[in-house]
Amino acid sequence: MGERTADDHGIKRDRLLKIIADQGAGRLLLTSQPALAWYLEGARVHVNLAAPPFVAVLVGSGGDEVILTGNESARLRDEELPAGVEIRELGWSEPPAGIALEPDTLHEDQVADQLRAARAPLLPGELARYRELGRDAAAVMTAVLSARSPVDTERAVAAALTGALVEVGAEPLVVLVGGADRMPYRHPLPTLAPVGRRFMAVIGARRHGLVINLTRWVRFGPAAPGEQDADERILAVEAGFLAATVPGTTLGEAFRAGCVGYAEHGFAADEWQRHHQGGIAGYNGRDPRATVDAADRIVAGQAFAWNPTASGCKVEDTVLRTATGFEILTLDPAWPTTQVANLPRPTPLPL
């Protein structure tokens, strides 16, 4: 659990009460992993990462009620939940999301857009936790990838990344490794193939409910013809996405402006259709993923993870959109970088 600050939680609660009032409702039931982790300051509300949470929170003007299964209550009270919350225990076979509700209760699915907007501008406590996670995840990448050799299998690299993430208290949600023979694949689930002369590693890691995303490349020996040029051009495409990420515009507007960069920098004009381009970050891998018509409004204090990619090249970091520019959250000073649009951007690690 992240450290709970009265100011942060009070702001979150006020945001939810406004949603409830705007809908003419009396209460709101939170049941999803992103919403619960956000409202409960990063509490881990799962056992099985592939299963739904075993917790729900009923929010109303008279107070909040945390609803959970009794077999999990001791650990949740001791290790996860903020002090002083009201708890209702259910039997282990009773899903909290399925409790009987008063007619004037909203389910979060009815106000999904409003809830995303409520958690978009990150608060001071969240920013501190996110920055620390970003530094830790970037350091894990550097430490693990610096110790690789061309004969290592993709699975060996993935195993080392997974173990290192767990050691820093993060949950590995995504661990991808693609070696030299698997460059065409945008989501290379690791195999027993050796990584060879060049490989890509991707991680998505969660801690305190916040999800960090980053991609790094490693090469052994000099770059092959065309590789450095493609790497530089994909960084230029990313710069276009970042330049379009302006408070007040919509996510869809930023997406459309960024996609234009593929043709401008020598890629196929429709390259963006071959893979998703990322989007808003925070309490989900993408919250939400950017699309042509995404209507979410960009605000200062919001995190993003754009990931422009073409065959054999990709860039991805988690960044904070501030009122004046960008802060790279996944920056490790030990990793090689180049300056693009006044920001340090990663280049392949030569070994």
Protein backbone atom coordinates (compact mmCIF):
# COMPACT_ATOMS: atom_id res chain seq x y z
CA MET A 1 0.00 0.00 0.00
CA GLY A 2 1.22 3.50 -0.78
CA GLU A 3 1.37 6.01 2.03
CA ARG A 4 -2.06 7.58 2.36
CA THR A 5 -2.23 11.36 2.56
CA ALA A 6 -5.38 13.01 3.84
CA ASP A 7 -5.16 15.71 1.19
CA ASP A 8 -4.82 13.24 -1.71
CA HIS A 9 -7.64 11.01 -0.50
CA GLY A 10 -9.91 13.95 0.22
CA ILE A 11 -9.44 15.19 -3.34
CA LYS A 12 -10.19 11.75 -4.77
CA ARG A 13 -13.30 11.42 -2.62
CA ASP A 14 -14.53 14.86 -3.68
CA ARG A 15 -14.07 13.89 -7.33
CA LEU A 16 -16.21 10.78 -6.83
CA LEU A 17 -18.90 12.62 -4.89
CA LYS A 18 -19.16 15.10 -7.77
CA ILE A 19 -19.64 12.24 -10.24
CA ILE A 20 -22.36 10.79 -8.02
CA ALA A 21 -24.11 14.15 -7.70
CA ASP A 22 -23.84 14.90 -11.42
CA GLN A 23 -25.60 11.60 -12.16
CA GLY A 24 -28.33 12.25 -9.58
CA ALA A 25 -27.32 9.08 -7.73
CA GLY A 26 -26.75 8.25 -4.08
CA ARG A 27 -23.73 5.96 -4.14
CA LEU A 28 -21.07 4.53 -6.44
CA LEU A 29 -19.71 0.96 -6.37
CA LEU A 30 -16.06 0.59 -7.40
CA THR A 31 -15.10 -2.91 -8.53
CA SER A 32 -12.23 -2.75 -11.06
CA GLN A 33 -8.52 -3.07 -10.36
CA PRO A 34 -7.66 0.45 -11.64
CA ALA A 35 -10.46 2.19 -9.73
CA LEU A 36 -9.82 0.31 -6.49
CA ALA A 37 -6.04 0.75 -6.56
CA TRP A 38 -6.49 4.46 -7.26
CA TYR A 39 -9.00 5.04 -4.48
CA LEU A 40 -7.32 2.78 -1.90
CA GLU A 41 -3.83 4.28 -2.41
CA GLY A 42 -2.35 1.32 -4.23
CA ALA A 43 -3.82 -1.51 -2.16
CA ARG A 44 -3.30 -4.94 -3.72
CA VAL A 45 -6.83 -6.23 -4.13
CA HIS A 46 -6.03 -9.51 -5.87
CA VAL A 47 -4.40 -12.85 -5.32
CA ASN A 48 -4.54 -14.16 -8.88
CA LEU A 49 -3.41 -11.52 -11.38
CA ALA A 50 -5.79 -13.02 -13.94
CA ALA A 51 -8.83 -12.91 -11.63
CA PRO A 52 -11.11 -10.01 -10.71
CA PRO A 53 -10.48 -8.18 -7.41
CA PHE A 54 -11.91 -9.67 -4.21
CA VAL A 55 -12.72 -6.18 -2.94
CA ALA A 56 -15.34 -3.56 -3.79
CA VAL A 57 -15.80 -0.08 -2.35
CA LEU A 58 -19.18 1.59 -1.90
CA VAL A 59 -18.73 5.37 -1.95
CA GLY A 60 -21.43 7.74 -0.71
CA SER A 61 -21.89 11.09 0.96
CA GLY A 62 -22.21 9.39 4.36
CA GLY A 63 -18.87 7.60 4.05
CA ASP A 64 -17.15 4.71 2.34
CA GLU A 65 -17.57 0.98 2.90
CA VAL A 66 -14.92 -1.55 1.86
CA ILE A 67 -16.58 -4.86 0.98
CA LEU A 68 -14.34 -7.93 0.92
CA THR A 69 -14.26 -11.66 1.43
CA GLY A 70 -13.60 -12.74 5.01
CA ASN A 71 -10.70 -15.03 4.15
CA GLU A 72 -8.75 -11.98 2.94
CA SER A 73 -9.74 -9.48 5.62
CA ALA A 74 -6.85 -9.97 8.05
CA ARG A 75 -4.14 -9.38 5.47
CA LEU A 76 -6.01 -6.48 3.91
CA ARG A 77 -6.50 -4.78 7.28
CA ASP A 78 -2.89 -5.34 8.33
CA GLU A 79 -1.03 -4.71 5.09
CA GLU A 80 -3.11 -2.98 2.45
CA LEU A 81 -6.03 -0.85 3.54
CA PRO A 82 -5.78 2.68 4.92
CA ALA A 83 -6.46 2.90 8.64
CA GLY A 84 -9.97 3.67 9.81
CA VAL A 85 -11.95 2.41 6.81
CA GLU A 86 -15.31 0.76 7.40
CA ILE A 87 -15.26 -2.90 6.35
CA ARG A 88 -18.07 -5.32 5.50
CA GLU A 89 -16.99 -8.97 5.34
CA LEU A 90 -18.62 -11.52 3.05
CA GLY A 91 -18.21 -15.27 2.82
CA TRP A 92 -15.34 -16.44 0.64
CA SER A 93 -17.79 -17.65 -2.01
CA GLU A 94 -19.61 -14.31 -2.30
CA PRO A 95 -18.14 -11.95 -4.93
CA PRO A 96 -18.09 -8.37 -3.57
CA ALA A 97 -18.97 -7.00 -7.01
CA GLY A 98 -22.25 -8.93 -6.87
CA ILE A 99 -23.73 -7.53 -3.66
CA ALA A 100 -27.30 -6.27 -3.64
CA LEU A 101 -27.42 -2.52 -4.21
CA GLU A 102 -29.88 0.25 -3.52
CA PRO A 103 -31.64 1.46 -6.70
CA ASP A 104 -29.81 4.80 -6.64
CA THR A 105 -26.35 3.18 -6.69
CA LEU A 106 -24.13 3.64 -9.72
CA HIS A 107 -21.85 0.88 -10.94
CA GLU A 108 -18.54 2.15 -12.25
CA ASP A 109 -19.28 0.83 -15.75
CA GLN A 110 -21.97 3.53 -15.99
CA VAL A 111 -19.44 6.31 -15.42
CA ALA A 112 -16.24 4.81 -16.88
CA ASP A 113 -15.30 7.97 -18.79
CA GLN A 114 -15.82 10.17 -15.73
CA LEU A 115 -13.74 7.84 -13.55
CA ARG A 116 -10.85 7.92 -16.00
CA ALA A 117 -10.98 11.70 -15.94
CA ALA A 118 -11.07 11.66 -12.13
CA ARG A 119 -7.83 9.68 -11.88
CA ALA A 120 -6.08 11.42 -14.79
CA PRO A 121 -4.29 14.28 -12.98
CA LEU A 122 -1.93 12.54 -10.58
CA LEU A 123 -1.71 13.88 -7.04
CA PRO A 124 1.51 14.50 -5.04
CA GLY A 125 1.55 11.14 -3.27
CA GLU A 126 0.89 9.31 -6.54
CA LEU A 127 3.59 11.23 -8.36
CA ALA A 128 6.15 10.34 -5.69
CA ARG A 129 5.28 6.64 -5.98
CA TYR A 130 5.26 6.74 -9.79
CA ARG A 131 8.64 8.45 -10.00
CA GLU A 132 10.16 5.87 -7.69
CA LEU A 133 8.67 3.00 -9.69
CA GLY A 134 9.93 4.54 -12.93
CA ARG A 135 13.46 4.82 -11.58
CA ASP A 136 13.39 1.27 -10.25
CA ALA A 137 12.02 -0.23 -13.47
CA ALA A 138 14.55 1.62 -15.62
CA ALA A 139 17.38 0.50 -13.33
CA VAL A 140 16.16 -3.10 -13.59
CA MET A 141 16.31 -2.89 -17.38
CA THR A 142 19.85 -1.52 -17.30
CA ALA A 143 21.16 -4.04 -14.77
CA VAL A 144 19.61 -7.09 -16.42
CA LEU A 145 20.24 -6.20 -20.05
CA SER A 146 23.84 -5.10 -19.43
CA ALA A 147 24.67 -8.66 -18.36
CA ARG A 148 23.34 -10.40 -21.49
CA SER A 149 25.13 -12.26 -24.28
CA PRO A 150 23.99 -13.22 -27.80
CA VAL A 151 23.55 -16.86 -26.78
CA ASP A 152 21.09 -16.08 -23.99
CA THR A 153 17.59 -17.26 -24.78
CA GLU A 154 14.67 -14.87 -24.82
CA ARG A 155 13.19 -16.78 -21.90
CA ALA A 156 16.39 -16.40 -19.87
CA VAL A 157 16.29 -12.64 -20.37
CA ALA A 158 12.59 -12.56 -19.49
CA ALA A 159 13.19 -14.64 -16.36
CA ALA A 160 15.93 -12.28 -15.19
CA LEU A 161 13.72 -9.24 -15.78
CA THR A 162 10.80 -10.86 -13.97
CA GLY A 163 12.88 -11.78 -10.94
CA ALA A 164 14.44 -8.33 -10.71
CA LEU A 165 11.04 -6.64 -10.87
CA VAL A 166 9.67 -8.84 -8.09
CA GLU A 167 12.73 -8.00 -5.99
CA VAL A 168 11.84 -4.29 -6.12
CA GLY A 169 8.24 -5.05 -5.15
CA ALA A 170 6.71 -4.68 -8.61
CA GLU A 171 4.30 -7.06 -10.32
CA PRO A 172 5.46 -7.99 -13.85
CA LEU A 173 2.35 -7.56 -15.99
CA VAL A 174 4.14 -7.63 -19.36
CA VAL A 175 7.58 -9.09 -20.12
CA LEU A 176 8.43 -9.35 -23.81
CA VAL A 177 11.76 -10.27 -25.39
CA GLY A 178 12.33 -10.43 -29.13
CA GLY A 179 15.66 -11.55 -30.56
CA ALA A 180 17.27 -10.90 -33.92
CA ASP A 181 15.23 -13.58 -35.69
CA ARG A 182 11.89 -12.28 -34.39
CA MET A 183 12.08 -8.60 -35.29
CA PRO A 184 8.79 -8.54 -37.26
CA TYR A 185 6.72 -9.36 -34.16
CA ARG A 186 5.40 -6.34 -32.25
CA HIS A 187 4.55 -8.36 -29.12
CA PRO A 188 7.26 -11.05 -28.97
CA LEU A 189 6.35 -13.39 -26.14
CA PRO A 190 9.69 -14.93 -25.10
CA THR A 191 10.77 -18.26 -26.58
CA LEU A 192 13.80 -20.53 -26.36
CA ALA A 193 15.38 -18.74 -29.33
CA PRO A 194 18.72 -17.04 -28.64
CA VAL A 195 18.55 -13.25 -28.67
CA GLY A 196 21.35 -13.05 -31.26
CA ARG A 197 23.05 -9.85 -32.35
CA ARG A 198 20.18 -7.48 -31.49
CA PHE A 199 17.11 -7.75 -29.28
CA MET A 200 14.24 -5.80 -27.78
CA ALA A 201 12.94 -6.05 -24.21
CA VAL A 202 9.61 -4.64 -23.03
CA ILE A 203 8.25 -4.48 -19.50
CA GLY A 204 5.01 -3.37 -17.93
CA ALA A 205 5.28 -3.37 -14.14
CA ARG A 206 2.79 -2.45 -11.42
CA ARG A 207 3.42 -1.21 -7.90
CA HIS A 208 0.99 0.64 -5.62
CA GLY A 209 -1.51 0.14 -8.45
CA LEU A 210 0.47 2.32 -10.87
CA VAL A 211 1.71 0.73 -14.10
CA ILE A 212 4.99 1.74 -15.72
CA ASN A 213 5.88 0.83 -19.32
CA LEU A 214 9.20 0.93 -21.14
CA THR A 215 11.06 -0.65 -24.05
CA ARG A 216 14.82 -1.00 -24.53
CA TRP A 217 17.09 -2.35 -27.25
CA VAL A 218 20.47 -4.09 -27.00
CA ARG A 219 22.94 -4.79 -29.80
CA PHE A 220 26.15 -6.78 -29.85
CA GLY A 221 28.73 -5.26 -32.16
CA PRO A 222 28.18 -2.47 -34.69
CA ALA A 223 24.74 -1.59 -36.01
CA ALA A 224 23.73 -3.20 -39.28
CA PRO A 225 23.11 -0.94 -42.28
CA GLY A 226 19.90 1.02 -41.84
CA GLU A 227 19.37 0.19 -38.17
CA GLN A 228 20.64 3.45 -36.71
CA ASP A 229 18.69 5.42 -39.31
CA ALA A 230 15.47 3.60 -38.44
CA ASP A 231 16.11 4.11 -34.72
CA GLU A 232 16.56 7.85 -35.25
CA ARG A 233 13.45 8.12 -37.40
CA ILE A 234 11.22 6.33 -34.88
CA LEU A 235 12.44 8.76 -32.21
CA ALA A 236 11.38 11.59 -34.52
CA VAL A 237 7.93 10.02 -34.82
CA GLU A 238 7.68 9.82 -31.04
CA ALA A 239 8.65 13.49 -30.80
CA GLY A 240 5.59 14.28 -32.90
CA PHE A 241 3.30 12.36 -30.56
CA LEU A 242 4.76 14.20 -27.57
CA ALA A 243 4.50 17.59 -29.25
CA ALA A 244 0.81 16.92 -29.88
CA THR A 245 0.18 15.90 -26.25
CA VAL A 246 -1.06 19.31 -25.15
CA PRO A 247 -3.38 19.99 -22.21
CA GLY A 248 -6.84 20.91 -23.44
CA THR A 249 -6.72 18.78 -26.58
CA THR A 250 -8.23 15.31 -26.82
CA LEU A 251 -6.33 12.05 -26.87
CA GLY A 252 -7.71 11.41 -30.35
CA GLU A 253 -6.37 14.73 -31.62
CA ALA A 254 -2.91 13.93 -30.25
CA PHE A 255 -3.11 10.46 -31.78
CA ARG A 256 -4.01 11.74 -35.24
CA ALA A 257 -1.27 14.37 -35.18
CA GLY A 258 1.32 11.84 -34.06
CA CYS A 259 0.42 9.30 -36.73
CA VAL A 260 1.20 11.82 -39.46
CA GLY A 261 4.85 11.56 -38.43
CA TYR A 262 5.30 8.11 -39.93
CA ALA A 263 5.09 9.37 -43.50
CA GLU A 264 7.04 12.52 -42.61
CA HIS A 265 9.97 10.43 -41.40
CA GLY A 266 10.19 7.84 -44.13
CA PHE A 267 7.88 5.11 -42.89
CA ALA A 268 4.73 3.89 -44.60
CA ALA A 269 1.88 6.34 -44.05
CA ASP A 270 -0.28 3.53 -42.67
CA GLU A 271 2.40 2.16 -40.33
CA TRP A 272 0.29 3.23 -37.34
CA GLN A 273 -2.35 0.70 -38.37
CA ARG A 274 0.04 -2.22 -37.80
CA HIS A 275 0.26 -1.72 -34.04
CA HIS A 276 -1.32 0.38 -31.32
CA GLN A 277 0.56 3.57 -30.47
CA GLY A 278 0.12 3.66 -26.68
CA GLY A 279 -1.85 6.31 -24.84
CA ILE A 280 -2.58 7.53 -21.33
CA ALA A 281 -0.78 5.70 -18.50
CA GLY A 282 -1.45 5.40 -14.78
CA TYR A 283 -3.55 2.70 -13.13
CA ASN A 284 -3.89 0.63 -16.30
CA GLY A 285 -1.39 -0.40 -18.95
CA ARG A 286 -3.15 2.22 -21.07
CA ASP A 287 -5.95 4.24 -19.50
CA PRO A 288 -7.15 4.28 -22.26
CA ARG A 289 -5.29 3.26 -25.39
CA ALA A 290 -5.24 6.06 -27.94
CA THR A 291 -7.49 5.77 -31.00
CA VAL A 292 -8.57 8.13 -33.76
CA ASP A 293 -11.73 9.16 -31.93
CA ALA A 294 -10.60 8.93 -28.28
CA ALA A 295 -12.40 11.79 -26.52
CA ASP A 296 -10.47 11.83 -23.23
CA ARG A 297 -9.25 15.37 -22.52
CA ILE A 298 -5.51 15.77 -21.88
CA VAL A 299 -4.62 17.56 -18.63
CA ALA A 300 -1.42 18.68 -16.92
CA GLY A 301 -0.19 16.17 -14.37
CA GLN A 302 -1.20 13.21 -16.51
CA ALA A 303 1.06 10.28 -17.48
CA PHE A 304 1.50 8.92 -21.00
CA ALA A 305 3.23 5.97 -22.62
CA TRP A 306 3.36 6.44 -26.38
CA ASN A 307 5.03 3.54 -28.22
CA PRO A 308 5.54 4.28 -31.93
CA THR A 309 6.94 1.26 -33.72
CA ALA A 310 7.82 -0.14 -37.11
CA SER A 311 9.44 -3.42 -38.08
CA GLY A 312 12.72 -3.65 -36.16
CA CYS A 313 12.39 -0.38 -34.25
CA LYS A 314 10.35 0.93 -31.35
CA VAL A 315 10.54 3.50 -28.57
CA GLU A 316 8.55 3.54 -25.32
CA ASP A 317 8.87 5.33 -22.01
CA THR A 318 6.39 6.48 -19.39
CA VAL A 319 6.34 10.27 -19.20
CA LEU A 320 4.55 12.89 -17.16
CA ARG A 321 2.88 15.75 -19.02
CA THR A 322 3.49 18.81 -16.85
CA ALA A 323 2.15 22.33 -17.36
CA THR A 324 5.38 23.29 -19.15
CA GLY A 325 6.65 20.13 -20.83
CA PHE A 326 7.56 16.53 -20.07
CA GLU A 327 9.30 14.57 -17.35
CA ILE A 328 10.63 11.15 -18.32
CA LEU A 329 9.72 8.81 -15.46
CA THR A 330 11.64 5.78 -16.76
CA LEU A 331 15.04 7.41 -17.22
CA ASP A 332 18.17 5.66 -15.94
CA PRO A 333 21.32 7.81 -16.21
CA ALA A 334 23.38 4.67 -16.90
CA TRP A 335 21.48 3.95 -20.15
CA PRO A 336 22.74 5.64 -23.36
CA THR A 337 20.55 8.45 -24.67
CA THR A 338 20.39 11.05 -27.38
CA GLN A 339 18.67 14.44 -27.28
CA VAL A 340 15.47 14.69 -29.32
CA ALA A 341 13.34 17.83 -29.00
CA ASN A 342 15.25 18.70 -25.80
CA LEU A 343 14.45 15.37 -24.16
CA PRO A 344 16.86 12.48 -23.45
CA ARG A 345 15.67 9.50 -25.47
CA PRO A 346 17.04 5.95 -25.26
CA THR A 347 19.33 4.47 -27.88
CA PRO A 348 20.33 0.80 -28.20
CA LEU A 349 22.77 -0.39 -25.54
CA PRO A 350 26.00 -1.50 -27.26
CA LEU A 351 27.63 -4.57 -25.73
